[in-house]
Amino acid sequence: MTDIASDAERELARLIVSALKIEHVDANSVDPSWPMFGSANPGWGLDSIDALEIVLAIQQKYRVELKADDAQVTQGFESLRALSHLVAARRTT
């Protein structure tokens, strides 16, 4: 069963796909609950270098700070949905 992505999740997915120049993920139809890292299938299949690129893209577009030693950031990278919630929360604070 595919989870329906919100507008914010689709926007973030498009940002990630663009920043990483990845072709194996369709940003408009991604399931926001898919794991972002590791070899789960389905999933994004990203690695730690990708995480750095994602952080830079998010910081540039949304002007939020994401630090590697922050437990909330680590949890936020579990899925697109979690990351979208984290970005939204950080944008309002």
N, C-alpha and C. Protein backbone atom coordinates (compact mmCIF):
# COMPACT_ATOMS: atom_id res chain seq x y z
N MET A 1 0.84 -1.18 0.00
CA MET A 1 0.00 0.00 0.00
C MET A 1 0.88 1.24 0.00
N THR A 2 0.59 2.17 -0.87
CA THR A 2 1.36 3.38 -0.99
C THR A 2 0.70 4.49 -0.20
N ASP A 3 1.49 5.14 0.62
CA ASP A 3 1.04 6.28 1.39
C ASP A 3 1.00 7.49 0.46
N ILE A 4 -0.02 8.32 0.58
CA ILE A 4 -0.14 9.52 -0.24
C ILE A 4 0.70 10.64 0.38
N ALA A 5 1.54 11.25 -0.43
CA ALA A 5 2.40 12.33 0.04
C ALA A 5 1.65 13.65 0.06
N SER A 6 1.92 14.45 1.06
CA SER A 6 1.36 15.80 1.13
C SER A 6 2.11 16.69 0.14
N ASP A 7 1.59 17.89 -0.08
CA ASP A 7 2.27 18.84 -0.96
C ASP A 7 3.68 19.15 -0.45
N ALA A 8 3.82 19.33 0.85
CA ALA A 8 5.13 19.63 1.44
C ALA A 8 6.10 18.46 1.24
N GLU A 9 5.59 17.24 1.38
CA GLU A 9 6.44 16.07 1.17
C GLU A 9 6.87 15.94 -0.28
N ARG A 10 5.96 16.20 -1.21
CA ARG A 10 6.31 16.15 -2.64
C ARG A 10 7.34 17.24 -2.98
N GLU A 11 7.16 18.42 -2.40
CA GLU A 11 8.13 19.50 -2.64
C GLU A 11 9.51 19.11 -2.13
N LEU A 12 9.55 18.53 -0.94
CA LEU A 12 10.82 18.10 -0.36
C LEU A 12 11.42 16.96 -1.17
N ALA A 13 10.59 16.05 -1.64
CA ALA A 13 11.08 14.94 -2.48
C ALA A 13 11.71 15.49 -3.75
N ARG A 14 11.07 16.47 -4.38
CA ARG A 14 11.62 17.08 -5.59
C ARG A 14 12.96 17.76 -5.30
N LEU A 15 13.07 18.42 -4.16
CA LEU A 15 14.32 19.05 -3.78
C LEU A 15 15.42 18.01 -3.62
N ILE A 16 15.11 16.91 -2.97
CA ILE A 16 16.10 15.85 -2.74
C ILE A 16 16.53 15.22 -4.06
N VAL A 17 15.57 14.88 -4.90
CA VAL A 17 15.89 14.27 -6.19
C VAL A 17 16.75 15.21 -7.02
N SER A 18 16.42 16.48 -7.01
CA SER A 18 17.20 17.47 -7.76
C SER A 18 18.60 17.64 -7.19
N ALA A 19 18.70 17.77 -5.88
CA ALA A 19 20.00 17.99 -5.23
C ALA A 19 20.94 16.82 -5.44
N LEU A 20 20.38 15.61 -5.41
CA LEU A 20 21.21 14.41 -5.53
C LEU A 20 21.33 13.92 -6.98
N LYS A 21 20.53 14.52 -7.86
CA LYS A 21 20.52 14.10 -9.26
C LYS A 21 20.30 12.59 -9.38
N ILE A 22 19.27 12.11 -8.66
CA ILE A 22 18.99 10.68 -8.69
C ILE A 22 17.85 10.39 -9.65
N GLU A 23 17.99 9.29 -10.34
CA GLU A 23 17.01 8.93 -11.35
C GLU A 23 16.14 7.75 -10.94
N HIS A 24 16.53 7.02 -9.91
CA HIS A 24 15.77 5.83 -9.53
C HIS A 24 14.58 6.13 -8.62
N VAL A 25 14.37 7.40 -8.28
CA VAL A 25 13.25 7.78 -7.43
C VAL A 25 12.41 8.81 -8.17
N ASP A 26 11.11 8.53 -8.31
CA ASP A 26 10.18 9.48 -8.91
C ASP A 26 9.61 10.35 -7.79
N ALA A 27 10.05 11.59 -7.74
CA ALA A 27 9.67 12.50 -6.65
C ALA A 27 8.17 12.70 -6.52
N ASN A 28 7.45 12.58 -7.62
CA ASN A 28 6.01 12.83 -7.58
C ASN A 28 5.19 11.63 -7.12
N SER A 29 5.79 10.46 -7.09
CA SER A 29 5.02 9.28 -6.67
C SER A 29 5.68 8.49 -5.55
N VAL A 30 6.65 9.09 -4.90
CA VAL A 30 7.34 8.40 -3.80
C VAL A 30 6.40 8.22 -2.61
N ASP A 31 6.54 7.11 -1.95
CA ASP A 31 5.79 6.84 -0.72
C ASP A 31 6.56 7.53 0.41
N PRO A 32 5.94 8.48 1.11
CA PRO A 32 6.67 9.24 2.13
C PRO A 32 7.09 8.42 3.34
N SER A 33 6.62 7.19 3.45
CA SER A 33 7.03 6.35 4.57
C SER A 33 8.23 5.46 4.23
N TRP A 34 8.67 5.45 2.98
CA TRP A 34 9.84 4.64 2.61
C TRP A 34 11.06 5.06 3.42
N PRO A 35 11.89 4.11 3.82
CA PRO A 35 13.15 4.46 4.49
C PRO A 35 14.07 5.18 3.50
N MET A 36 14.76 6.18 3.99
CA MET A 36 15.63 6.95 3.11
C MET A 36 17.00 6.30 2.94
N PHE A 37 17.46 5.58 3.95
CA PHE A 37 18.81 5.02 3.91
C PHE A 37 18.79 3.51 4.01
N GLY A 38 19.85 2.89 3.52
CA GLY A 38 19.95 1.45 3.55
C GLY A 38 19.46 0.82 2.27
N SER A 39 19.30 -0.48 2.31
CA SER A 39 18.97 -1.21 1.08
C SER A 39 17.54 -1.73 1.06
N ALA A 40 16.68 -1.17 1.90
CA ALA A 40 15.28 -1.60 1.92
C ALA A 40 14.66 -1.36 0.55
N ASN A 41 13.84 -2.30 0.13
CA ASN A 41 13.18 -2.16 -1.15
C ASN A 41 11.69 -2.40 -0.95
N PRO A 42 10.82 -1.42 -1.16
CA PRO A 42 11.18 -0.13 -1.74
C PRO A 42 11.82 0.80 -0.72
N GLY A 43 12.56 1.71 -1.21
CA GLY A 43 13.23 2.72 -0.39
C GLY A 43 14.07 3.62 -1.27
N TRP A 44 14.63 4.63 -0.68
CA TRP A 44 15.43 5.59 -1.43
C TRP A 44 16.83 5.03 -1.73
N GLY A 45 17.39 4.25 -0.81
CA GLY A 45 18.72 3.67 -1.01
C GLY A 45 19.85 4.68 -0.90
N LEU A 46 19.69 5.68 -0.04
CA LEU A 46 20.70 6.73 0.11
C LEU A 46 21.78 6.33 1.09
N ASP A 47 22.88 7.11 1.10
CA ASP A 47 23.97 6.87 2.03
C ASP A 47 24.33 8.17 2.75
N SER A 48 25.38 8.12 3.57
CA SER A 48 25.74 9.27 4.41
C SER A 48 26.19 10.48 3.60
N ILE A 49 26.82 10.27 2.46
CA ILE A 49 27.21 11.40 1.61
C ILE A 49 25.96 12.09 1.08
N ASP A 50 24.96 11.29 0.72
CA ASP A 50 23.68 11.85 0.28
C ASP A 50 23.06 12.70 1.38
N ALA A 51 23.17 12.24 2.62
CA ALA A 51 22.60 12.99 3.75
C ALA A 51 23.21 14.38 3.83
N LEU A 52 24.51 14.49 3.62
CA LEU A 52 25.17 15.79 3.65
C LEU A 52 24.63 16.71 2.56
N GLU A 53 24.45 16.17 1.38
CA GLU A 53 23.90 16.95 0.27
C GLU A 53 22.47 17.40 0.56
N ILE A 54 21.69 16.51 1.16
CA ILE A 54 20.31 16.84 1.50
C ILE A 54 20.27 17.97 2.53
N VAL A 55 21.12 17.87 3.54
CA VAL A 55 21.19 18.91 4.58
C VAL A 55 21.51 20.25 3.94
N LEU A 56 22.49 20.29 3.06
CA LEU A 56 22.85 21.55 2.40
C LEU A 56 21.69 22.11 1.58
N ALA A 57 21.02 21.25 0.84
CA ALA A 57 19.88 21.71 0.02
C ALA A 57 18.76 22.24 0.90
N ILE A 58 18.46 21.56 1.99
CA ILE A 58 17.41 21.99 2.91
C ILE A 58 17.78 23.32 3.57
N GLN A 59 19.03 23.44 4.00
CA GLN A 59 19.46 24.67 4.64
C GLN A 59 19.37 25.85 3.68
N GLN A 60 19.72 25.63 2.43
CA GLN A 60 19.66 26.71 1.44
C GLN A 60 18.23 27.09 1.11
N LYS A 61 17.37 26.10 0.91
CA LYS A 61 16.00 26.40 0.49
C LYS A 61 15.12 26.88 1.64
N TYR A 62 15.22 26.20 2.78
CA TYR A 62 14.28 26.47 3.88
C TYR A 62 14.89 27.30 5.02
N ARG A 63 16.18 27.53 4.96
CA ARG A 63 16.86 28.33 6.00
C ARG A 63 16.68 27.74 7.40
N VAL A 64 16.83 26.43 7.50
CA VAL A 64 16.78 25.76 8.80
C VAL A 64 18.13 25.11 9.07
N GLU A 65 18.47 24.98 10.32
CA GLU A 65 19.74 24.38 10.70
C GLU A 65 19.52 22.92 11.08
N LEU A 66 20.30 22.04 10.46
CA LEU A 66 20.23 20.61 10.75
C LEU A 66 21.65 20.15 11.08
N LYS A 67 21.85 19.72 12.31
CA LYS A 67 23.18 19.28 12.74
C LYS A 67 23.20 17.77 12.95
N ALA A 68 24.30 17.16 12.58
CA ALA A 68 24.43 15.70 12.65
C ALA A 68 24.33 15.17 14.07
N ASP A 69 24.73 15.94 15.06
CA ASP A 69 24.71 15.46 16.43
C ASP A 69 23.36 15.69 17.14
N ASP A 70 22.37 16.10 16.40
CA ASP A 70 21.03 16.36 16.92
C ASP A 70 20.17 15.10 16.73
N ALA A 71 19.69 14.53 17.81
CA ALA A 71 18.89 13.30 17.74
C ALA A 71 17.63 13.48 16.90
N GLN A 72 17.02 14.66 16.95
CA GLN A 72 15.83 14.91 16.14
C GLN A 72 16.15 14.87 14.65
N VAL A 73 17.31 15.32 14.29
CA VAL A 73 17.72 15.29 12.88
C VAL A 73 17.93 13.84 12.46
N THR A 74 18.59 13.06 13.30
CA THR A 74 18.80 11.64 12.99
C THR A 74 17.46 10.94 12.78
N GLN A 75 16.51 11.18 13.64
CA GLN A 75 15.18 10.58 13.50
C GLN A 75 14.47 11.12 12.27
N GLY A 76 14.69 12.38 11.96
CA GLY A 76 14.05 13.01 10.81
C GLY A 76 14.45 12.39 9.49
N PHE A 77 15.62 11.80 9.45
CA PHE A 77 16.08 11.19 8.21
C PHE A 77 15.63 9.75 8.04
N GLU A 78 14.71 9.30 8.88
CA GLU A 78 14.20 7.93 8.74
C GLU A 78 13.32 7.79 7.51
N SER A 79 12.57 8.83 7.16
CA SER A 79 11.68 8.78 6.00
C SER A 79 11.44 10.20 5.51
N LEU A 80 10.89 10.30 4.33
CA LEU A 80 10.53 11.61 3.79
C LEU A 80 9.52 12.30 4.68
N ARG A 81 8.55 11.55 5.17
CA ARG A 81 7.51 12.13 6.04
C ARG A 81 8.14 12.70 7.31
N ALA A 82 9.03 11.94 7.94
CA ALA A 82 9.68 12.41 9.16
C ALA A 82 10.52 13.66 8.87
N LEU A 83 11.22 13.65 7.75
CA LEU A 83 12.06 14.80 7.40
C LEU A 83 11.20 16.03 7.10
N SER A 84 10.09 15.82 6.43
CA SER A 84 9.18 16.92 6.15
C SER A 84 8.63 17.54 7.44
N HIS A 85 8.28 16.71 8.38
CA HIS A 85 7.79 17.20 9.69
C HIS A 85 8.89 17.98 10.41
N LEU A 86 10.11 17.46 10.37
CA LEU A 86 11.23 18.13 11.03
C LEU A 86 11.47 19.51 10.40
N VAL A 87 11.50 19.57 9.09
CA VAL A 87 11.73 20.84 8.40
C VAL A 87 10.62 21.84 8.74
N ALA A 88 9.39 21.37 8.72
CA ALA A 88 8.26 22.26 9.05
C ALA A 88 8.38 22.79 10.48
N ALA A 89 8.75 21.92 11.41
CA ALA A 89 8.88 22.33 12.82
C ALA A 89 10.02 23.34 12.98
N ARG A 90 11.11 23.12 12.28
CA ARG A 90 12.26 24.02 12.39
C ARG A 90 12.01 25.35 11.71
N ARG A 91 11.16 25.36 10.71
CA ARG A 91 10.86 26.62 10.00
C ARG A 91 9.99 27.53 10.86
N THR A 92 9.22 26.97 11.77
CA THR A 92 8.30 27.78 12.56
C THR A 92 8.92 28.22 13.87
N THR A 93 10.11 27.72 14.19
CA THR A 93 10.71 28.10 15.47
C THR A 93 11.77 29.15 15.28
